[in-house]
Every structure is written in structure tokens, then in C-alpha cells.
């Protein structure tokens, strides 16, 4: 069975046993969470009702993404700015759907 869940402003298609990388969710590694914002669920080509459906997940790790370099330059004005940023994210393992 699969489900489409929304978290952190993005949508993910998940099934039991999948690992996904999402925006940071509070909690320690090993903690269980429930994703209640289920948009779609089904099995094969059949769609099922999402009333009261939740997706159980376990937090695998809290990590930072790769560094993104922001470089600004204006020609002929001796203006250069270099800034780096690492976004926080959470790795989830889907335990069950439903």
C-alpha cells in the first residue's frame, strides 16, 4: 500500500520500508512520529479513502544537507560577497501506512 503525504511544504509518495529525506522535524533519532496529512492512498491502481489515515514513521537521523554557496558580484565596482548555507533535514523510515 502507498500513500502521498505532505510535510514541510512538499509531497512524498511513500510505502512501508521507504526512507525519505524531509525538512527538519523535531525529535531525536529513534523516535516515532505520525504523519497525519495524507493526501492520497491506494494499492496498485485502486485508490482508498484517506479519512483518519496516518503514516507511522521513525526518525533515522537529523543531518545537514550539502553546503550551498551564494556568490554575489557586481562588475567594475569591486563588490564580491560569498556566503555559505547548510539546510537542516531529517531522514525518516516509513514503518507502516494506515
PDB file of N, CA and C in Angstrom:
ATOM      1  N   UNK A   1       0.848  -1.177   0.000  1.00  0.00           N
ATOM      2  CA  UNK A   1       0.000   0.000   0.000  1.00  0.00           C
ATOM      3  C   UNK A   1       0.895   1.242   0.000  1.00  0.00           C
ATOM      4  N   UNK A   2       0.485   2.261  -0.729  1.00  0.00           N
ATOM      5  CA  UNK A   2       1.245   3.503  -0.797  1.00  0.00           C
ATOM      6  C   UNK A   2       0.373   4.663  -0.337  1.00  0.00           C
ATOM      7  N   UNK A   3       1.044   5.768  -0.028  1.00  0.00           N
ATOM      8  CA  UNK A   3       0.335   6.986   0.365  1.00  0.00           C
ATOM      9  C   UNK A   3       1.146   8.185  -0.105  1.00  0.00           C
ATOM     10  N   UNK A   4       0.450   9.285  -0.333  1.00  0.00           N
ATOM     11  CA  UNK A   4       1.101  10.556  -0.641  1.00  0.00           C
ATOM     12  C   UNK A   4       0.875  11.452   0.569  1.00  0.00           C
ATOM     13  N   UNK A   5       1.990  11.848   1.215  1.00  0.00           N
ATOM     14  CA  UNK A   5       1.906  12.679   2.417  1.00  0.00           C
ATOM     15  C   UNK A   5       2.543  14.029   2.145  1.00  0.00           C
ATOM     16  N   UNK A   6       2.082  15.037   2.902  1.00  0.00           N
ATOM     17  CA  UNK A   6       2.635  16.384   2.771  1.00  0.00           C
ATOM     18  C   UNK A   6       3.302  16.751   4.089  1.00  0.00           C
ATOM     19  N   UNK A   7       4.569  17.151   3.997  1.00  0.00           N
ATOM     20  CA  UNK A   7       5.299  17.632   5.162  1.00  0.00           C
ATOM     21  C   UNK A   7       6.362  18.619   4.694  1.00  0.00           C
ATOM     22  N   UNK A   8       6.504  19.698   5.407  1.00  0.00           N
ATOM     23  CA  UNK A   8       7.494  20.704   5.059  1.00  0.00           C
ATOM     24  C   UNK A   8       7.217  21.410   3.748  1.00  0.00           C
ATOM     25  N   UNK A   9       5.946  21.468   3.327  1.00  0.00           N
ATOM     26  CA  UNK A   9       5.603  22.147   2.091  1.00  0.00           C
ATOM     27  C   UNK A   9       5.838  21.326   0.838  1.00  0.00           C
ATOM     28  N   UNK A  10       6.223  20.063   0.991  1.00  0.00           N
ATOM     29  CA  UNK A  10       6.470  19.193  -0.161  1.00  0.00           C
ATOM     30  C   UNK A  10       5.647  17.926  -0.007  1.00  0.00           C
ATOM     31  N   UNK A  11       5.451  17.221  -1.112  1.00  0.00           N
ATOM     32  CA  UNK A  11       4.676  15.982  -1.098  1.00  0.00           C
ATOM     33  C   UNK A  11       5.590  14.809  -1.431  1.00  0.00           C
ATOM     34  N   UNK A  12       5.359  13.679  -0.747  1.00  0.00           N
ATOM     35  CA  UNK A  12       6.186  12.495  -0.925  1.00  0.00           C
ATOM     36  C   UNK A  12       5.288  11.277  -1.101  1.00  0.00           C
ATOM     37  N   UNK A  13       5.653  10.414  -2.045  1.00  0.00           N
ATOM     38  CA  UNK A  13       4.954   9.140  -2.221  1.00  0.00           C
ATOM     39  C   UNK A  13       5.729   8.109  -1.421  1.00  0.00           C
ATOM     40  N   UNK A  14       5.063   7.479  -0.445  1.00  0.00           N
ATOM     41  CA  UNK A  14       5.749   6.569   0.469  1.00  0.00           C
ATOM     42  C   UNK A  14       5.027   5.231   0.538  1.00  0.00           C
ATOM     43  N   UNK A  15       5.784   4.220   0.900  1.00  0.00           N
ATOM     44  CA  UNK A  15       5.259   2.887   1.189  1.00  0.00           C
ATOM     45  C   UNK A  15       6.036   2.365   2.394  1.00  0.00           C
ATOM     46  N   UNK A  16       5.578   1.294   2.988  1.00  0.00           N
ATOM     47  CA  UNK A  16       6.247   0.734   4.163  1.00  0.00           C
ATOM     48  C   UNK A  16       7.668   0.314   3.787  1.00  0.00           C
ATOM     49  N   UNK A  17       8.635   0.713   4.630  1.00  0.00           N
ATOM     50  CA  UNK A  17      10.027   0.365   4.396  1.00  0.00           C
ATOM     51  C   UNK A  17      10.827   1.414   3.647  1.00  0.00           C
ATOM     52  N   UNK A  18      10.181   2.454   3.119  1.00  0.00           N
ATOM     53  CA  UNK A  18      10.890   3.503   2.380  1.00  0.00           C
ATOM     54  C   UNK A  18      11.643   4.431   3.344  1.00  0.00           C
ATOM     55  N   UNK A  19      12.726   5.016   2.842  1.00  0.00           N
ATOM     56  CA  UNK A  19      13.435   6.062   3.568  1.00  0.00           C
ATOM     57  C   UNK A  19      13.329   7.340   2.752  1.00  0.00           C
ATOM     58  N   UNK A  20      12.945   8.431   3.413  1.00  0.00           N
ATOM     59  CA  UNK A  20      12.807   9.712   2.720  1.00  0.00           C
ATOM     60  C   UNK A  20      13.544  10.794   3.500  1.00  0.00           C
ATOM     61  N   UNK A  21      13.962  11.832   2.794  1.00  0.00           N
ATOM     62  CA  UNK A  21      14.630  12.988   3.396  1.00  0.00           C
ATOM     63  C   UNK A  21      13.659  14.156   3.317  1.00  0.00           C
ATOM     64  N   UNK A  22      13.290  14.697   4.487  1.00  0.00           N
ATOM     65  CA  UNK A  22      12.305  15.774   4.561  1.00  0.00           C
ATOM     66  C   UNK A  22      12.898  16.968   5.290  1.00  0.00           C
ATOM     67  N   UNK A  23      12.178  18.098   5.266  1.00  0.00           N
ATOM     68  CA  UNK A  23      12.569  19.263   6.047  1.00  0.00           C
ATOM     69  C   UNK A  23      12.636  18.871   7.521  1.00  0.00           C
ATOM     70  N   UNK A  24      13.379  19.628   8.305  1.00  0.00           N
ATOM     71  CA  UNK A  24      13.619  19.266   9.701  1.00  0.00           C
ATOM     72  C   UNK A  24      12.319  19.109  10.493  1.00  0.00           C
ATOM     73  N   UNK A  25      12.241  17.983  11.200  1.00  0.00           N
ATOM     74  CA  UNK A  25      11.141  17.681  12.116  1.00  0.00           C
ATOM     75  C   UNK A  25      11.758  17.489  13.493  1.00  0.00           C
ATOM     76  N   UNK A  26      11.178  18.104  14.514  1.00  0.00           N
ATOM     77  CA  UNK A  26      11.727  17.982  15.861  1.00  0.00           C
ATOM     78  C   UNK A  26      11.638  16.546  16.353  1.00  0.00           C
ATOM     79  N   UNK A  27      12.684  16.098  17.037  1.00  0.00           N
ATOM     80  CA  UNK A  27      12.722  14.758  17.606  1.00  0.00           C
ATOM     81  C   UNK A  27      14.119  14.183  17.513  1.00  0.00           C
ATOM     82  N   UNK A  28      14.395  13.208  18.360  1.00  0.00           N
ATOM     83  CA  UNK A  28      15.700  12.552  18.364  1.00  0.00           C
ATOM     84  C   UNK A  28      15.674  11.313  17.487  1.00  0.00           C
ATOM     85  N   UNK A  29      16.857  10.829  17.133  1.00  0.00           N
ATOM     86  CA  UNK A  29      16.963   9.610  16.337  1.00  0.00           C
ATOM     87  C   UNK A  29      16.343   8.448  17.116  1.00  0.00           C
ATOM     88  N   UNK A  30      15.537   7.656  16.438  1.00  0.00           N
ATOM     89  CA  UNK A  30      14.858   6.540  17.065  1.00  0.00           C
ATOM     90  C   UNK A  30      13.445   6.851  17.524  1.00  0.00           C
ATOM     91  N   UNK A  31      13.070   8.106  17.521  1.00  0.00           N
ATOM     92  CA  UNK A  31      11.725   8.487  17.954  1.00  0.00           C
ATOM     93  C   UNK A  31      10.705   8.163  16.866  1.00  0.00           C
ATOM     94  N   UNK A  32       9.498   7.837  17.281  1.00  0.00           N
ATOM     95  CA  UNK A  32       8.415   7.544  16.341  1.00  0.00           C
ATOM     96  C   UNK A  32       7.552   8.783  16.166  1.00  0.00           C
ATOM     97  N   UNK A  33       7.154   9.029  14.926  1.00  0.00           N
ATOM     98  CA  UNK A  33       6.260  10.150  14.646  1.00  0.00           C
ATOM     99  C   UNK A  33       5.132   9.664  13.753  1.00  0.00           C
ATOM    100  N   UNK A  34       4.103  10.474  13.657  1.00  0.00           N
ATOM    101  CA  UNK A  34       2.953  10.145  12.826  1.00  0.00           C
ATOM    102  C   UNK A  34       2.714  11.286  11.850  1.00  0.00           C
ATOM    103  N   UNK A  35       2.640  10.967  10.572  1.00  0.00           N
ATOM    104  CA  UNK A  35       2.350  11.951   9.536  1.00  0.00           C
ATOM    105  C   UNK A  35       0.863  11.853   9.220  1.00  0.00           C
ATOM    106  N   UNK A  36       0.108  12.862   9.634  1.00  0.00           N
ATOM    107  CA  UNK A  36      -1.347  12.784   9.511  1.00  0.00           C
ATOM    108  C   UNK A  36      -1.883  13.488   8.280  1.00  0.00           C
ATOM    109  N   UNK A  37      -1.066  14.250   7.585  1.00  0.00           N
ATOM    110  CA  UNK A  37      -1.531  14.986   6.406  1.00  0.00           C
ATOM    111  C   UNK A  37      -1.397  14.099   5.164  1.00  0.00           C
ATOM    112  N   UNK A  38      -2.300  13.123   5.052  1.00  0.00           N
ATOM    113  CA  UNK A  38      -2.285  12.177   3.936  1.00  0.00           C
ATOM    114  C   UNK A  38      -3.207  12.697   2.845  1.00  0.00           C
ATOM    115  N   UNK A  39      -2.674  12.835   1.635  1.00  0.00           N
ATOM    116  CA  UNK A  39      -3.447  13.392   0.524  1.00  0.00           C
ATOM    117  C   UNK A  39      -4.086  12.321  -0.338  1.00  0.00           C
ATOM    118  N   UNK A  40      -3.423  11.163  -0.458  1.00  0.00           N
ATOM    119  CA  UNK A  40      -3.874  10.110  -1.358  1.00  0.00           C
ATOM    120  C   UNK A  40      -3.359   8.786  -0.841  1.00  0.00           C
ATOM    121  N   UNK A  41      -4.133   7.737  -0.996  1.00  0.00           N
ATOM    122  CA  UNK A  41      -3.692   6.406  -0.590  1.00  0.00           C
ATOM    123  C   UNK A  41      -4.272   5.385  -1.547  1.00  0.00           C
ATOM    124  N   UNK A  42      -3.574   4.293  -1.710  1.00  0.00           N
ATOM    125  CA  UNK A  42      -4.063   3.265  -2.599  1.00  0.00           C
ATOM    126  C   UNK A  42      -3.179   2.047  -2.599  1.00  0.00           C
ATOM    127  N   UNK A  43      -3.626   1.071  -3.377  1.00  0.00           N
ATOM    128  CA  UNK A  43      -2.880  -0.168  -3.533  1.00  0.00           C
ATOM    129  C   UNK A  43      -2.985  -0.566  -4.995  1.00  0.00           C
ATOM    130  N   UNK A  44      -1.843  -0.596  -5.688  1.00  0.00           N
ATOM    131  CA  UNK A  44      -1.871  -0.844  -7.122  1.00  0.00           C
ATOM    132  C   UNK A  44      -2.519   0.334  -7.827  1.00  0.00           C
ATOM    133  N   UNK A  45      -3.576   0.046  -8.606  1.00  0.00           N
ATOM    134  CA  UNK A  45      -4.274   1.133  -9.291  1.00  0.00           C
ATOM    135  C   UNK A  45      -5.554   1.536  -8.560  1.00  0.00           C
ATOM    136  N   UNK A  46      -5.867   0.901  -7.436  1.00  0.00           N
ATOM    137  CA  UNK A  46      -7.053   1.241  -6.655  1.00  0.00           C
ATOM    138  C   UNK A  46      -6.741   2.348  -5.661  1.00  0.00           C
ATOM    139  N   UNK A  47      -7.623   3.323  -5.539  1.00  0.00           N
ATOM    140  CA  UNK A  47      -7.477   4.374  -4.552  1.00  0.00           C
ATOM    141  C   UNK A  47      -8.376   4.085  -3.369  1.00  0.00           C
ATOM    142  N   UNK A  48      -7.912   4.450  -2.180  1.00  0.00           N
ATOM    143  CA  UNK A  48      -8.670   4.207  -0.954  1.00  0.00           C
ATOM    144  C   UNK A  48      -8.979   5.523  -0.270  1.00  0.00           C
ATOM    145  N   UNK A  49      -9.920   5.481   0.639  1.00  0.00           N
ATOM    146  CA  UNK A  49     -10.299   6.674   1.394  1.00  0.00           C
ATOM    147  C   UNK A  49      -9.183   7.061   2.361  1.00  0.00           C
ATOM    148  N   UNK A  50      -8.977   8.366   2.529  1.00  0.00           N
ATOM    149  CA  UNK A  50      -7.920   8.842   3.423  1.00  0.00           C
ATOM    150  C   UNK A  50      -8.479   9.377   4.740  1.00  0.00           C
ATOM    151  N   UNK A  51      -9.742   9.133   5.019  1.00  0.00           N
ATOM    152  CA  UNK A  51     -10.355   9.593   6.266  1.00  0.00           C
ATOM    153  C   UNK A  51      -9.693   8.907   7.456  1.00  0.00           C
ATOM    154  N   UNK A  52      -9.050   9.691   8.301  1.00  0.00           N
ATOM    155  CA  UNK A  52      -8.426   9.158   9.516  1.00  0.00           C
ATOM    156  C   UNK A  52      -7.175   8.336   9.268  1.00  0.00           C
ATOM    157  N   UNK A  53      -6.641   8.370   8.063  1.00  0.00           N
ATOM    158  CA  UNK A  53      -5.459   7.579   7.718  1.00  0.00           C
ATOM    159  C   UNK A  53      -4.203   8.317   8.158  1.00  0.00           C
ATOM    160  N   UNK A  54      -3.274   7.602   8.785  1.00  0.00           N
ATOM    161  CA  UNK A  54      -2.000   8.191   9.195  1.00  0.00           C
ATOM    162  C   UNK A  54      -0.867   7.302   8.723  1.00  0.00           C
ATOM    163  N   UNK A  55       0.301   7.894   8.618  1.00  0.00           N
ATOM    164  CA  UNK A  55       1.507   7.163   8.229  1.00  0.00           C
ATOM    165  C   UNK A  55       2.460   7.197   9.413  1.00  0.00           C
ATOM    166  N   UNK A  56       2.858   6.027   9.886  1.00  0.00           N
ATOM    167  CA  UNK A  56       3.784   5.930  11.011  1.00  0.00           C
ATOM    168  C   UNK A  56       5.207   5.895  10.480  1.00  0.00           C
ATOM    169  N   UNK A  57       6.079   6.710  11.088  1.00  0.00           N
ATOM    170  CA  UNK A  57       7.470   6.788  10.642  1.00  0.00           C
ATOM    171  C   UNK A  57       8.390   6.836  11.852  1.00  0.00           C
ATOM    172  N   UNK A  58       9.656   6.507  11.595  1.00  0.00           N
ATOM    173  CA  UNK A  58      10.675   6.549  12.638  1.00  0.00           C
ATOM    174  C   UNK A  58      11.799   7.462  12.171  1.00  0.00           C
ATOM    175  N   UNK A  59      12.283   8.309  13.066  1.00  0.00           N
ATOM    176  CA  UNK A  59      13.379   9.216  12.719  1.00  0.00           C
ATOM    177  C   UNK A  59      14.681   8.420  12.739  1.00  0.00           C
ATOM    178  N   UNK A  60      15.365   8.385  11.599  1.00  0.00           N
ATOM    179  CA  UNK A  60      16.636   7.677  11.496  1.00  0.00           C
ATOM    180  C   UNK A  60      17.775   8.598  11.928  1.00  0.00           C
ATOM    181  N   UNK A  61      17.789   9.842  11.419  1.00  0.00           N
ATOM    182  CA  UNK A  61      18.876  10.762  11.748  1.00  0.00           C
ATOM    183  C   UNK A  61      18.447  12.203  11.503  1.00  0.00           C
ATOM    184  N   UNK A  62      19.098  13.111  12.222  1.00  0.00           N
ATOM    185  CA  UNK A  62      18.980  14.545  11.990  1.00  0.00           C
ATOM    186  C   UNK A  62      20.308  14.977  11.378  1.00  0.00           C
ATOM    187  N   UNK A  63      20.287  15.500  10.158  1.00  0.00           N
ATOM    188  CA  UNK A  63      21.530  15.849   9.481  1.00  0.00           C
ATOM    189  C   UNK A  63      21.434  17.214   8.835  1.00  0.00           C
ATOM    190  N   UNK A  64      22.547  17.628   8.217  1.00  0.00           N
ATOM    191  CA  UNK A  64      22.581  18.853   7.431  1.00  0.00           C
ATOM    192  C   UNK A  64      22.842  18.474   5.983  1.00  0.00           C
ATOM    193  N   UNK A  65      22.263  19.228   5.074  1.00  0.00           N
ATOM    194  CA  UNK A  65      22.445  18.980   3.649  1.00  0.00           C
ATOM    195  C   UNK A  65      23.827  19.478   3.220  1.00  0.00           C
ATOM    196  N   UNK A  66      24.170  19.253   1.958  1.00  0.00           N
ATOM    197  CA  UNK A  66      25.416  19.761   1.414  1.00  0.00           C
ATOM    198  C   UNK A  66      25.396  21.281   1.417  1.00  0.00           C
ATOM    199  N   UNK A  67      26.587  21.872   1.465  1.00  0.00           N
ATOM    200  CA  UNK A  67      26.692  23.324   1.512  1.00  0.00           C
ATOM    201  C   UNK A  67      26.323  23.934   0.163  1.00  0.00           C
ATOM    202  N   UNK A  68      25.544  24.988   0.222  1.00  0.00           N
ATOM    203  CA  UNK A  68      25.177  25.764  -0.952  1.00  0.00           C
ATOM    204  C   UNK A  68      25.921  27.089  -0.854  1.00  0.00           C
ATOM    205  N   UNK A  69      26.679  27.435  -1.885  1.00  0.00           N
ATOM    206  CA  UNK A  69      27.439  28.676  -1.900  1.00  0.00           C
ATOM    207  C   UNK A  69      26.636  29.747  -2.637  1.00  0.00           C
ATOM    208  N   UNK A  70      26.463  30.885  -1.982  1.00  0.00           N
ATOM    209  CA  UNK A  70      25.789  32.027  -2.594  1.00  0.00           C
ATOM    210  C   UNK A  70      26.867  33.072  -2.871  1.00  0.00           C
ATOM    211  N   UNK A  71      27.101  33.371  -4.137  1.00  0.00           N
ATOM    212  CA  UNK A  71      28.150  34.317  -4.526  1.00  0.00           C
ATOM    213  C   UNK A  71      27.528  35.469  -5.291  1.00  0.00           C
ATOM    214  N   UNK A  72      27.764  36.682  -4.822  1.00  0.00           N
ATOM    215  CA  UNK A  72      27.241  37.880  -5.474  1.00  0.00           C
ATOM    216  C   UNK A  72      28.414  38.707  -5.974  1.00  0.00           C
ATOM    217  N   UNK A  73      28.269  39.257  -7.161  1.00  0.00           N
ATOM    218  CA  UNK A  73      29.326  40.082  -7.735  1.00  0.00           C
ATOM    219  C   UNK A  73      28.705  41.151  -8.611  1.00  0.00           C
ATOM    220  N   UNK A  74      29.253  42.363  -8.521  1.00  0.00           N
ATOM    221  CA  UNK A  74      28.857  43.440  -9.423  1.00  0.00           C
ATOM    222  C   UNK A  74      30.098  43.879 -10.179  1.00  0.00           C
ATOM    223  N   UNK A  75      30.002  43.868 -11.464  1.00  0.00           N
ATOM    224  CA  UNK A  75      31.157  44.191 -12.290  1.00  0.00           C
ATOM    225  C   UNK A  75      31.639  45.626 -12.057  1.00  0.00           C
ATOM    226  N   UNK A  76      32.937  45.760 -12.083  1.00  0.00           N
ATOM    227  CA  UNK A  76      33.596  47.068 -12.060  1.00  0.00           C
ATOM    228  C   UNK A  76      33.315  47.893 -10.802  1.00  0.00           C
ATOM    229  N   UNK A  77      32.852  47.271  -9.734  1.00  0.00           N
ATOM    230  CA  UNK A  77      32.600  48.016  -8.503  1.00  0.00           C
ATOM    231  C   UNK A  77      33.336  47.416  -7.309  1.00  0.00           C
ATOM    232  N   UNK A  78      34.195  46.448  -7.574  1.00  0.00           N
ATOM    233  CA  UNK A  78      34.950  45.767  -6.510  1.00  0.00           C
ATOM    234  C   UNK A  78      34.003  45.243  -5.420  1.00  0.00           C
ATOM    235  N   UNK A  79      32.896  44.658  -5.843  1.00  0.00           N
ATOM    236  CA  UNK A  79      31.878  44.148  -4.918  1.00  0.00           C
ATOM    237  C   UNK A  79      31.784  42.633  -5.076  1.00  0.00           C
ATOM    238  N   UNK A  80      32.183  41.907  -4.053  1.00  0.00           N
ATOM    239  CA  UNK A  80      32.072  40.448  -4.059  1.00  0.00           C
ATOM    240  C   UNK A  80      31.633  40.000  -2.676  1.00  0.00           C
ATOM    241  N   UNK A  81      30.629  39.145  -2.620  1.00  0.00           N
ATOM    242  CA  UNK A  81      30.155  38.584  -1.363  1.00  0.00           C
ATOM    243  C   UNK A  81      30.021  37.082  -1.526  1.00  0.00           C
ATOM    244  N   UNK A  82      30.570  36.347  -0.577  1.00  0.00           N
ATOM    245  CA  UNK A  82      30.485  34.887  -0.618  1.00  0.00           C
ATOM    246  C   UNK A  82      29.845  34.437   0.689  1.00  0.00           C
ATOM    247  N   UNK A  83      28.792  33.663   0.570  1.00  0.00           N
ATOM    248  CA  UNK A  83      28.059  33.208   1.740  1.00  0.00           C
ATOM    249  C   UNK A  83      27.712  31.740   1.560  1.00  0.00           C
ATOM    250  N   UNK A  84      27.830  30.966   2.617  1.00  0.00           N
ATOM    251  CA  UNK A  84      27.501  29.545   2.550  1.00  0.00           C
ATOM    252  C   UNK A  84      26.329  29.223   3.465  1.00  0.00           C
ATOM    253  N   UNK A  85      25.616  28.147   3.124  1.00  0.00           N
ATOM    254  CA  UNK A  85      24.433  27.776   3.895  1.00  0.00           C
ATOM    255  C   UNK A  85      24.251  26.263   3.849  1.00  0.00           C
ATOM    256  N   UNK A  86      23.946  25.663   4.998  1.00  0.00           N
ATOM    257  CA  UNK A  86      23.636  24.234   5.069  1.00  0.00           C
ATOM    258  C   UNK A  86      22.257  24.079   5.706  1.00  0.00           C
ATOM    259  N   UNK A  87      21.328  23.528   4.955  1.00  0.00           N
ATOM    260  CA  UNK A  87      19.956  23.360   5.426  1.00  0.00           C
ATOM    261  C   UNK A  87      19.845  22.105   6.297  1.00  0.00           C
ATOM    262  N   UNK A  88      19.092  22.194   7.380  1.00  0.00           N
ATOM    263  CA  UNK A  88      18.842  21.031   8.231  1.00  0.00           C
ATOM    264  C   UNK A  88      17.774  20.151   7.600  1.00  0.00           C
ATOM    265  N   UNK A  89      17.938  18.821   7.699  1.00  0.00           N
ATOM    266  CA  UNK A  89      16.897  17.919   7.239  1.00  0.00           C
ATOM    267  C   UNK A  89      16.854  16.681   8.130  1.00  0.00           C
ATOM    268  N   UNK A  90      15.776  15.932   8.001  1.00  0.00           N
ATOM    269  CA  UNK A  90      15.525  14.744   8.785  1.00  0.00           C
ATOM    270  C   UNK A  90      15.342  13.559   7.857  1.00  0.00           C
ATOM    271  N   UNK A  91      15.952  12.436   8.213  1.00  0.00           N
ATOM    272  CA  UNK A  91      15.779  11.206   7.443  1.00  0.00           C
ATOM    273  C   UNK A  91      14.745  10.353   8.171  1.00  0.00           C
ATOM    274  N   UNK A  92      13.677   9.991   7.454  1.00  0.00           N
ATOM    275  CA  UNK A  92      12.596   9.185   8.037  1.00  0.00           C
ATOM    276  C   UNK A  92      12.544   7.804   7.395  1.00  0.00           C
ATOM    277  N   UNK A  93      12.222   6.798   8.213  1.00  0.00           N
ATOM    278  CA  UNK A  93      11.955   5.455   7.703  1.00  0.00           C
ATOM    279  C   UNK A  93      10.474   5.192   7.931  1.00  0.00           C
ATOM    280  N   UNK A  94       9.762   4.874   6.868  1.00  0.00           N
ATOM    281  CA  UNK A  94       8.315   4.646   6.966  1.00  0.00           C
ATOM    282  C   UNK A  94       8.088   3.256   7.549  1.00  0.00           C
ATOM    283  N   UNK A  95       7.363   3.214   8.657  1.00  0.00           N
ATOM    284  CA  UNK A  95       7.102   1.935   9.340  1.00  0.00           C
ATOM    285  C   UNK A  95       5.834   1.284   8.773  1.00  0.00           C
ATOM    286  N   UNK A  96       4.747   2.057   8.698  1.00  0.00           N
ATOM    287  CA  UNK A  96       3.504   1.499   8.177  1.00  0.00           C
ATOM    288  C   UNK A  96       2.643   2.602   7.607  1.00  0.00           C
ATOM    289  N   UNK A  97       1.771   2.205   6.702  1.00  0.00           N
ATOM    290  CA  UNK A  97       0.798   3.107   6.099  1.00  0.00           C
ATOM    291  C   UNK A  97      -0.582   2.618   6.506  1.00  0.00           C
ATOM    292  N   UNK A  98      -1.318   3.475   7.196  1.00  0.00           N
ATOM    293  CA  UNK A  98      -2.659   3.071   7.600  1.00  0.00           C
ATOM    294  C   UNK A  98      -2.785   2.838   9.072  1.00  0.00           C
TER     295      UNK A  98
END
